[in-house]
Amino acid sequence: MLDQIHMLAAVTLLGVLEQAYFFLQVIYARRLFGISPPKISGPPEFERIFRAQVNSSEYFPIFLALLWQAGLFFHQGLAAALGLLYLCARYCYFMGYKASSSQRLAPIYFSAGVLWILIAVSALGILHFFLSHYVGLNILQLLTA
């Protein structure tokens, strides 16, 4: 069983570490700009870092659900590769947003595209499972015949 999920687990761990890094960046920015919680406003430099972290946190559960669905129902290797692309795009998004709000756009569009691909492969994998398990229809055999 573990050989079927080890790549997904590794990407999940990397994602958690990335989220921790983003959290730490907000803590450092709070100290740098003298902004104590619960305040969330301050200089634009702080607000960009804060928003980048919050936006990344908001998408993280969606990413995890899609990563695991795609990996379990479609293909672990493809899901893990897409997961790494997503994490890289999110890092570029964070660093771009930290520098300037306009530099966040290309990475956010790329990461959204990766999420759409994960949605598609998840849906295909789940559809294939339901059709083969409950209807006895194997789409892969039909496509290769």
N, C-alpha and C. Protein backbone atom coordinates (compact mmCIF):
# COMPACT_ATOMS: atom_id res chain seq x y z
N MET A 1 0.81 -1.20 0.00
CA MET A 1 0.00 0.00 0.00
C MET A 1 0.86 1.27 0.00
N LEU A 2 1.93 1.28 0.81
CA LEU A 2 2.74 2.49 0.89
C LEU A 2 3.43 2.83 -0.43
N ASP A 3 3.73 1.82 -1.22
CA ASP A 3 4.36 2.10 -2.51
C ASP A 3 3.39 2.78 -3.47
N GLN A 4 2.11 2.79 -3.14
CA GLN A 4 1.11 3.46 -3.98
C GLN A 4 0.85 4.90 -3.55
N ILE A 5 1.41 5.30 -2.41
CA ILE A 5 1.14 6.66 -1.93
C ILE A 5 2.38 7.42 -1.48
N HIS A 6 3.55 6.82 -1.58
CA HIS A 6 4.75 7.47 -1.04
C HIS A 6 5.06 8.81 -1.71
N MET A 7 4.84 8.92 -3.01
CA MET A 7 5.11 10.19 -3.70
C MET A 7 4.11 11.26 -3.27
N LEU A 8 2.87 10.84 -3.10
CA LEU A 8 1.85 11.79 -2.65
C LEU A 8 2.17 12.29 -1.24
N ALA A 9 2.62 11.38 -0.39
CA ALA A 9 2.99 11.76 0.97
C ALA A 9 4.18 12.72 0.97
N ALA A 10 5.14 12.48 0.10
CA ALA A 10 6.32 13.36 0.03
C ALA A 10 5.92 14.76 -0.43
N VAL A 11 5.06 14.85 -1.44
CA VAL A 11 4.62 16.15 -1.93
C VAL A 11 3.78 16.85 -0.86
N THR A 12 2.97 16.09 -0.13
CA THR A 12 2.19 16.67 0.96
C THR A 12 3.10 17.27 2.02
N LEU A 13 4.14 16.53 2.39
CA LEU A 13 5.09 17.03 3.38
C LEU A 13 5.79 18.30 2.88
N LEU A 14 6.18 18.32 1.62
CA LEU A 14 6.79 19.53 1.06
C LEU A 14 5.82 20.70 1.10
N GLY A 15 4.56 20.42 0.82
CA GLY A 15 3.55 21.47 0.88
C GLY A 15 3.37 22.02 2.28
N VAL A 16 3.38 21.15 3.27
CA VAL A 16 3.26 21.59 4.66
C VAL A 16 4.47 22.44 5.05
N LEU A 17 5.65 22.01 4.63
CA LEU A 17 6.86 22.79 4.91
C LEU A 17 6.81 24.15 4.22
N GLU A 18 6.28 24.19 3.00
CA GLU A 18 6.15 25.46 2.30
C GLU A 18 5.18 26.38 3.05
N GLN A 19 4.07 25.84 3.51
CA GLN A 19 3.12 26.64 4.28
C GLN A 19 3.78 27.18 5.56
N ALA A 20 4.57 26.35 6.21
CA ALA A 20 5.28 26.79 7.41
C ALA A 20 6.24 27.94 7.09
N TYR A 21 6.92 27.83 5.95
CA TYR A 21 7.82 28.91 5.52
C TYR A 21 7.04 30.21 5.31
N PHE A 22 5.88 30.11 4.67
CA PHE A 22 5.05 31.30 4.45
C PHE A 22 4.61 31.90 5.79
N PHE A 23 4.20 31.05 6.74
CA PHE A 23 3.81 31.53 8.07
C PHE A 23 4.97 32.28 8.73
N LEU A 24 6.17 31.71 8.63
CA LEU A 24 7.34 32.34 9.24
C LEU A 24 7.64 33.69 8.60
N GLN A 25 7.41 33.80 7.30
CA GLN A 25 7.64 35.07 6.62
C GLN A 25 6.73 36.16 7.17
N VAL A 26 5.48 35.79 7.51
CA VAL A 26 4.57 36.77 8.10
C VAL A 26 5.05 37.17 9.49
N ILE A 27 5.52 36.21 10.27
CA ILE A 27 6.04 36.51 11.60
C ILE A 27 7.23 37.47 11.50
N TYR A 28 8.15 37.18 10.59
CA TYR A 28 9.31 38.06 10.40
C TYR A 28 8.87 39.45 9.95
N ALA A 29 7.89 39.52 9.05
CA ALA A 29 7.41 40.82 8.58
C ALA A 29 6.73 41.59 9.70
N ARG A 30 5.99 40.89 10.55
CA ARG A 30 5.36 41.55 11.70
C ARG A 30 6.43 42.20 12.58
N ARG A 31 7.49 41.47 12.83
CA ARG A 31 8.58 42.00 13.67
C ARG A 31 9.28 43.17 12.98
N LEU A 32 9.53 43.01 11.68
CA LEU A 32 10.24 44.04 10.92
C LEU A 32 9.46 45.36 10.90
N PHE A 33 8.14 45.27 10.71
CA PHE A 33 7.32 46.47 10.58
C PHE A 33 6.60 46.86 11.88
N GLY A 34 6.84 46.08 12.96
CA GLY A 34 6.24 46.40 14.25
C GLY A 34 4.72 46.28 14.27
N ILE A 35 4.21 45.25 13.65
CA ILE A 35 2.76 45.04 13.57
C ILE A 35 2.39 43.84 14.43
N SER A 36 1.73 44.10 15.54
CA SER A 36 1.34 43.03 16.46
C SER A 36 -0.01 42.46 16.06
N PRO A 37 -0.18 41.15 16.25
CA PRO A 37 -1.51 40.56 16.02
C PRO A 37 -2.50 41.17 16.99
N PRO A 38 -3.71 41.34 16.65
CA PRO A 38 -4.42 40.83 15.48
C PRO A 38 -4.41 41.78 14.29
N LYS A 39 -3.64 42.86 14.34
CA LYS A 39 -3.60 43.80 13.22
C LYS A 39 -3.17 43.08 11.94
N ILE A 40 -3.82 43.46 10.83
CA ILE A 40 -3.45 42.88 9.54
C ILE A 40 -3.17 43.96 8.50
N SER A 41 -3.11 45.20 8.97
CA SER A 41 -2.78 46.28 8.04
C SER A 41 -1.52 46.98 8.50
N GLY A 42 -0.88 47.57 7.52
CA GLY A 42 0.37 48.26 7.78
C GLY A 42 0.93 48.74 6.46
N PRO A 43 2.24 48.83 6.38
CA PRO A 43 2.85 49.25 5.11
C PRO A 43 2.53 48.25 4.00
N PRO A 44 2.50 48.70 2.76
CA PRO A 44 2.20 47.80 1.64
C PRO A 44 3.10 46.56 1.60
N GLU A 45 4.35 46.71 2.02
CA GLU A 45 5.27 45.57 2.02
C GLU A 45 4.77 44.47 2.95
N PHE A 46 4.28 44.86 4.13
CA PHE A 46 3.72 43.86 5.05
C PHE A 46 2.43 43.28 4.51
N GLU A 47 1.55 44.12 4.01
CA GLU A 47 0.25 43.65 3.54
C GLU A 47 0.39 42.67 2.38
N ARG A 48 1.37 42.87 1.50
CA ARG A 48 1.59 41.92 0.40
C ARG A 48 2.03 40.56 0.92
N ILE A 49 2.94 40.56 1.89
CA ILE A 49 3.41 39.29 2.48
C ILE A 49 2.25 38.59 3.19
N PHE A 50 1.48 39.37 3.94
CA PHE A 50 0.35 38.80 4.67
C PHE A 50 -0.68 38.21 3.71
N ARG A 51 -1.03 38.95 2.65
CA ARG A 51 -2.02 38.47 1.68
C ARG A 51 -1.51 37.23 0.94
N ALA A 52 -0.24 37.21 0.58
CA ALA A 52 0.32 36.05 -0.12
C ALA A 52 0.21 34.80 0.75
N GLN A 53 0.48 34.95 2.04
CA GLN A 53 0.38 33.80 2.95
C GLN A 53 -1.06 33.36 3.12
N VAL A 54 -1.96 34.30 3.30
CA VAL A 54 -3.38 33.96 3.48
C VAL A 54 -3.93 33.31 2.22
N ASN A 55 -3.63 33.89 1.06
CA ASN A 55 -4.12 33.31 -0.19
C ASN A 55 -3.60 31.89 -0.38
N SER A 56 -2.34 31.67 -0.07
CA SER A 56 -1.77 30.33 -0.20
C SER A 56 -2.43 29.35 0.76
N SER A 57 -2.70 29.81 1.97
CA SER A 57 -3.36 28.95 2.96
C SER A 57 -4.78 28.60 2.54
N GLU A 58 -5.47 29.54 1.92
CA GLU A 58 -6.84 29.30 1.47
C GLU A 58 -6.91 28.21 0.40
N TYR A 59 -5.93 28.16 -0.45
CA TYR A 59 -5.93 27.18 -1.54
C TYR A 59 -5.33 25.84 -1.14
N PHE A 60 -4.63 25.79 -0.03
CA PHE A 60 -3.92 24.56 0.34
C PHE A 60 -4.83 23.35 0.53
N PRO A 61 -5.97 23.47 1.22
CA PRO A 61 -6.84 22.29 1.34
C PRO A 61 -7.38 21.79 0.00
N ILE A 62 -7.67 22.73 -0.89
CA ILE A 62 -8.14 22.35 -2.23
C ILE A 62 -7.04 21.57 -2.95
N PHE A 63 -5.83 22.10 -2.88
CA PHE A 63 -4.68 21.43 -3.49
C PHE A 63 -4.50 20.02 -2.94
N LEU A 64 -4.54 19.88 -1.62
CA LEU A 64 -4.33 18.56 -1.01
C LEU A 64 -5.39 17.56 -1.44
N ALA A 65 -6.64 17.98 -1.43
CA ALA A 65 -7.72 17.07 -1.84
C ALA A 65 -7.53 16.61 -3.28
N LEU A 66 -7.21 17.54 -4.16
CA LEU A 66 -7.03 17.19 -5.57
C LEU A 66 -5.79 16.34 -5.79
N LEU A 67 -4.71 16.66 -5.08
CA LEU A 67 -3.49 15.87 -5.19
C LEU A 67 -3.76 14.40 -4.87
N TRP A 68 -4.41 14.16 -3.75
CA TRP A 68 -4.66 12.78 -3.30
C TRP A 68 -5.69 12.08 -4.18
N GLN A 69 -6.72 12.78 -4.61
CA GLN A 69 -7.69 12.15 -5.51
C GLN A 69 -7.04 11.77 -6.83
N ALA A 70 -6.28 12.68 -7.39
CA ALA A 70 -5.62 12.39 -8.67
C ALA A 70 -4.62 11.25 -8.51
N GLY A 71 -3.91 11.24 -7.40
CA GLY A 71 -2.92 10.19 -7.18
C GLY A 71 -3.53 8.83 -6.92
N LEU A 72 -4.62 8.78 -6.19
CA LEU A 72 -5.24 7.50 -5.87
C LEU A 72 -6.09 6.95 -7.00
N PHE A 73 -6.77 7.82 -7.72
CA PHE A 73 -7.70 7.34 -8.74
C PHE A 73 -7.15 7.41 -10.16
N PHE A 74 -6.11 8.20 -10.40
CA PHE A 74 -5.59 8.32 -11.76
C PHE A 74 -4.17 7.75 -11.84
N HIS A 75 -3.18 8.51 -11.35
CA HIS A 75 -1.79 8.04 -11.42
C HIS A 75 -0.96 8.82 -10.40
N GLN A 76 -0.32 8.09 -9.50
CA GLN A 76 0.46 8.71 -8.44
C GLN A 76 1.59 9.59 -8.98
N GLY A 77 2.32 9.10 -9.96
CA GLY A 77 3.45 9.85 -10.50
C GLY A 77 3.04 11.15 -11.14
N LEU A 78 1.99 11.12 -11.94
CA LEU A 78 1.50 12.34 -12.58
C LEU A 78 1.00 13.32 -11.53
N ALA A 79 0.24 12.84 -10.56
CA ALA A 79 -0.27 13.71 -9.51
C ALA A 79 0.88 14.34 -8.72
N ALA A 80 1.89 13.56 -8.39
CA ALA A 80 3.03 14.09 -7.65
C ALA A 80 3.78 15.14 -8.47
N ALA A 81 3.96 14.88 -9.75
CA ALA A 81 4.63 15.86 -10.62
C ALA A 81 3.83 17.15 -10.70
N LEU A 82 2.52 17.02 -10.86
CA LEU A 82 1.67 18.21 -10.87
C LEU A 82 1.70 18.92 -9.52
N GLY A 83 1.77 18.15 -8.45
CA GLY A 83 1.87 18.73 -7.12
C GLY A 83 3.14 19.54 -6.95
N LEU A 84 4.24 19.01 -7.45
CA LEU A 84 5.51 19.76 -7.38
C LEU A 84 5.44 21.04 -8.20
N LEU A 85 4.82 20.96 -9.37
CA LEU A 85 4.64 22.17 -10.19
C LEU A 85 3.81 23.20 -9.44
N TYR A 86 2.74 22.75 -8.80
CA TYR A 86 1.89 23.66 -8.04
C TYR A 86 2.67 24.32 -6.91
N LEU A 87 3.42 23.52 -6.16
CA LEU A 87 4.18 24.08 -5.04
C LEU A 87 5.23 25.08 -5.52
N CYS A 88 5.86 24.79 -6.63
CA CYS A 88 6.84 25.71 -7.21
C CYS A 88 6.15 27.01 -7.64
N ALA A 89 4.98 26.88 -8.28
CA ALA A 89 4.23 28.07 -8.71
C ALA A 89 3.80 28.89 -7.50
N ARG A 90 3.39 28.23 -6.43
CA ARG A 90 2.97 28.94 -5.22
C ARG A 90 4.14 29.67 -4.58
N TYR A 91 5.32 29.06 -4.61
CA TYR A 91 6.51 29.73 -4.07
C TYR A 91 6.81 30.97 -4.92
N CYS A 92 6.77 30.82 -6.24
CA CYS A 92 7.01 31.97 -7.13
C CYS A 92 5.96 33.05 -6.91
N TYR A 93 4.71 32.63 -6.68
CA TYR A 93 3.63 33.57 -6.38
C TYR A 93 3.96 34.34 -5.11
N PHE A 94 4.34 33.63 -4.06
CA PHE A 94 4.64 34.28 -2.78
C PHE A 94 5.78 35.27 -2.93
N MET A 95 6.85 34.83 -3.56
CA MET A 95 8.01 35.71 -3.71
C MET A 95 7.69 36.89 -4.62
N GLY A 96 6.92 36.65 -5.67
CA GLY A 96 6.52 37.74 -6.55
C GLY A 96 5.64 38.75 -5.86
N TYR A 97 4.66 38.26 -5.10
CA TYR A 97 3.75 39.15 -4.37
C TYR A 97 4.51 39.93 -3.31
N LYS A 98 5.48 39.29 -2.70
CA LYS A 98 6.31 39.95 -1.68
C LYS A 98 7.04 41.15 -2.30
N ALA A 99 7.47 41.00 -3.54
CA ALA A 99 8.21 42.07 -4.21
C ALA A 99 7.29 43.16 -4.75
N SER A 100 6.19 42.75 -5.39
CA SER A 100 5.27 43.69 -6.02
C SER A 100 3.98 42.96 -6.35
N SER A 101 2.86 43.63 -6.16
CA SER A 101 1.58 42.94 -6.41
C SER A 101 1.43 42.52 -7.86
N SER A 102 2.05 43.21 -8.79
CA SER A 102 1.93 42.82 -10.20
C SER A 102 2.74 41.56 -10.52
N GLN A 103 3.75 41.26 -9.73
CA GLN A 103 4.58 40.08 -10.00
C GLN A 103 3.93 38.78 -9.53
N ARG A 104 2.76 38.87 -8.94
CA ARG A 104 2.07 37.67 -8.49
C ARG A 104 1.21 37.05 -9.60
N LEU A 105 0.94 37.79 -10.65
CA LEU A 105 -0.06 37.37 -11.63
C LEU A 105 0.30 36.13 -12.41
N ALA A 106 1.47 36.09 -13.03
CA ALA A 106 1.84 34.92 -13.83
C ALA A 106 1.87 33.64 -12.99
N PRO A 107 2.50 33.66 -11.80
CA PRO A 107 2.49 32.43 -11.00
C PRO A 107 1.10 32.02 -10.52
N ILE A 108 0.22 32.97 -10.23
CA ILE A 108 -1.11 32.59 -9.76
C ILE A 108 -1.90 31.97 -10.90
N TYR A 109 -1.76 32.49 -12.10
CA TYR A 109 -2.44 31.89 -13.25
C TYR A 109 -1.91 30.48 -13.53
N PHE A 110 -0.59 30.32 -13.42
CA PHE A 110 0.01 29.01 -13.64
C PHE A 110 -0.48 28.00 -12.60
N SER A 111 -0.48 28.41 -11.32
CA SER A 111 -0.92 27.49 -10.27
C SER A 111 -2.40 27.15 -10.43
N ALA A 112 -3.20 28.11 -10.87
CA ALA A 112 -4.62 27.82 -11.12
C ALA A 112 -4.77 26.82 -12.26
N GLY A 113 -3.93 26.95 -13.28
CA GLY A 113 -3.95 25.98 -14.38
C GLY A 113 -3.61 24.58 -13.91
N VAL A 114 -2.63 24.48 -13.02
CA VAL A 114 -2.26 23.16 -12.47
C VAL A 114 -3.43 22.58 -11.67
N LEU A 115 -4.11 23.42 -10.91
CA LEU A 115 -5.28 22.93 -10.16
C LEU A 115 -6.36 22.43 -11.10
N TRP A 116 -6.58 23.11 -12.22
CA TRP A 116 -7.59 22.65 -13.18
C TRP A 116 -7.20 21.30 -13.78
N ILE A 117 -5.92 21.12 -14.03
CA ILE A 117 -5.46 19.81 -14.54
C ILE A 117 -5.68 18.73 -13.49
N LEU A 118 -5.38 19.05 -12.23
CA LEU A 118 -5.63 18.09 -11.15
C LEU A 118 -7.12 17.77 -11.03
N ILE A 119 -7.97 18.76 -11.22
CA ILE A 119 -9.41 18.51 -11.21
C ILE A 119 -9.78 17.55 -12.33
N ALA A 120 -9.25 17.79 -13.52
CA ALA A 120 -9.58 16.95 -14.67
C ALA A 120 -9.12 15.50 -14.48
N VAL A 121 -7.88 15.31 -14.04
CA VAL A 121 -7.41 13.93 -13.88
C VAL A 121 -8.10 13.25 -12.70
N SER A 122 -8.46 14.01 -11.67
CA SER A 122 -9.22 13.44 -10.56
C SER A 122 -10.59 12.97 -11.06
N ALA A 123 -11.25 13.82 -11.80
CA ALA A 123 -12.58 13.48 -12.31
C ALA A 123 -12.52 12.27 -13.24
N LEU A 124 -11.51 12.25 -14.12
CA LEU A 124 -11.36 11.10 -15.02
C LEU A 124 -11.09 9.82 -14.24
N GLY A 125 -10.24 9.90 -13.26
CA GLY A 125 -9.92 8.73 -12.46
C GLY A 125 -11.12 8.21 -11.69
N ILE A 126 -11.87 9.12 -11.09
CA ILE A 126 -13.05 8.72 -10.33
C ILE A 126 -14.13 8.18 -11.26
N LEU A 127 -14.32 8.82 -12.41
CA LEU A 127 -15.28 8.32 -13.39
C LEU A 127 -14.90 6.92 -13.85
N HIS A 128 -13.64 6.73 -14.15
CA HIS A 128 -13.18 5.40 -14.57
C HIS A 128 -13.44 4.36 -13.49
N PHE A 129 -13.17 4.73 -12.24
CA PHE A 129 -13.41 3.79 -11.14
C PHE A 129 -14.89 3.42 -11.06
N PHE A 130 -15.77 4.41 -11.08
CA PHE A 130 -17.20 4.11 -10.97
C PHE A 130 -17.69 3.27 -12.14
N LEU A 131 -17.27 3.63 -13.35
CA LEU A 131 -17.72 2.87 -14.52
C LEU A 131 -17.20 1.44 -14.50
N SER A 132 -15.96 1.24 -14.13
CA SER A 132 -15.40 -0.12 -14.12
C SER A 132 -15.91 -0.93 -12.93
N HIS A 133 -16.06 -0.28 -11.78
CA HIS A 133 -16.46 -1.00 -10.56
C HIS A 133 -17.95 -1.31 -10.53
N TYR A 134 -18.79 -0.35 -10.93
CA TYR A 134 -20.23 -0.52 -10.80
C TYR A 134 -20.94 -0.90 -12.09
N VAL A 135 -20.36 -0.52 -13.22
CA VAL A 135 -21.02 -0.80 -14.50
C VAL A 135 -20.29 -1.91 -15.26
N GLY A 136 -19.05 -2.16 -14.89
CA GLY A 136 -18.26 -3.17 -15.58
C GLY A 136 -17.71 -2.68 -16.92
N LEU A 137 -17.63 -1.39 -17.08
CA LEU A 137 -17.16 -0.77 -18.33
C LEU A 137 -15.76 -0.22 -18.11
N ASN A 138 -14.79 -0.77 -18.83
CA ASN A 138 -13.41 -0.31 -18.71
C ASN A 138 -13.10 0.63 -19.86
N ILE A 139 -13.03 1.90 -19.57
CA ILE A 139 -12.79 2.92 -20.60
C ILE A 139 -11.44 2.74 -21.25
N LEU A 140 -10.44 2.37 -20.46
CA LEU A 140 -9.10 2.22 -21.02
C LEU A 140 -9.05 1.12 -22.06
N GLN A 141 -9.73 0.04 -21.82
CA GLN A 141 -9.77 -1.05 -22.81
C GLN A 141 -10.49 -0.60 -24.07
N LEU A 142 -11.56 0.17 -23.92
CA LEU A 142 -12.29 0.68 -25.08
C LEU A 142 -11.44 1.63 -25.91
N LEU A 143 -10.67 2.47 -25.24
CA LEU A 143 -9.84 3.44 -25.95
C LEU A 143 -8.66 2.78 -26.68
N THR A 144 -8.13 1.70 -26.12
CA THR A 144 -6.99 1.04 -26.75
C THR A 144 -7.40 -0.03 -27.75
N ALA A 145 -8.68 -0.34 -27.82
CA ALA A 145 -9.14 -1.39 -28.75
C ALA A 145 -9.32 -0.87 -30.14
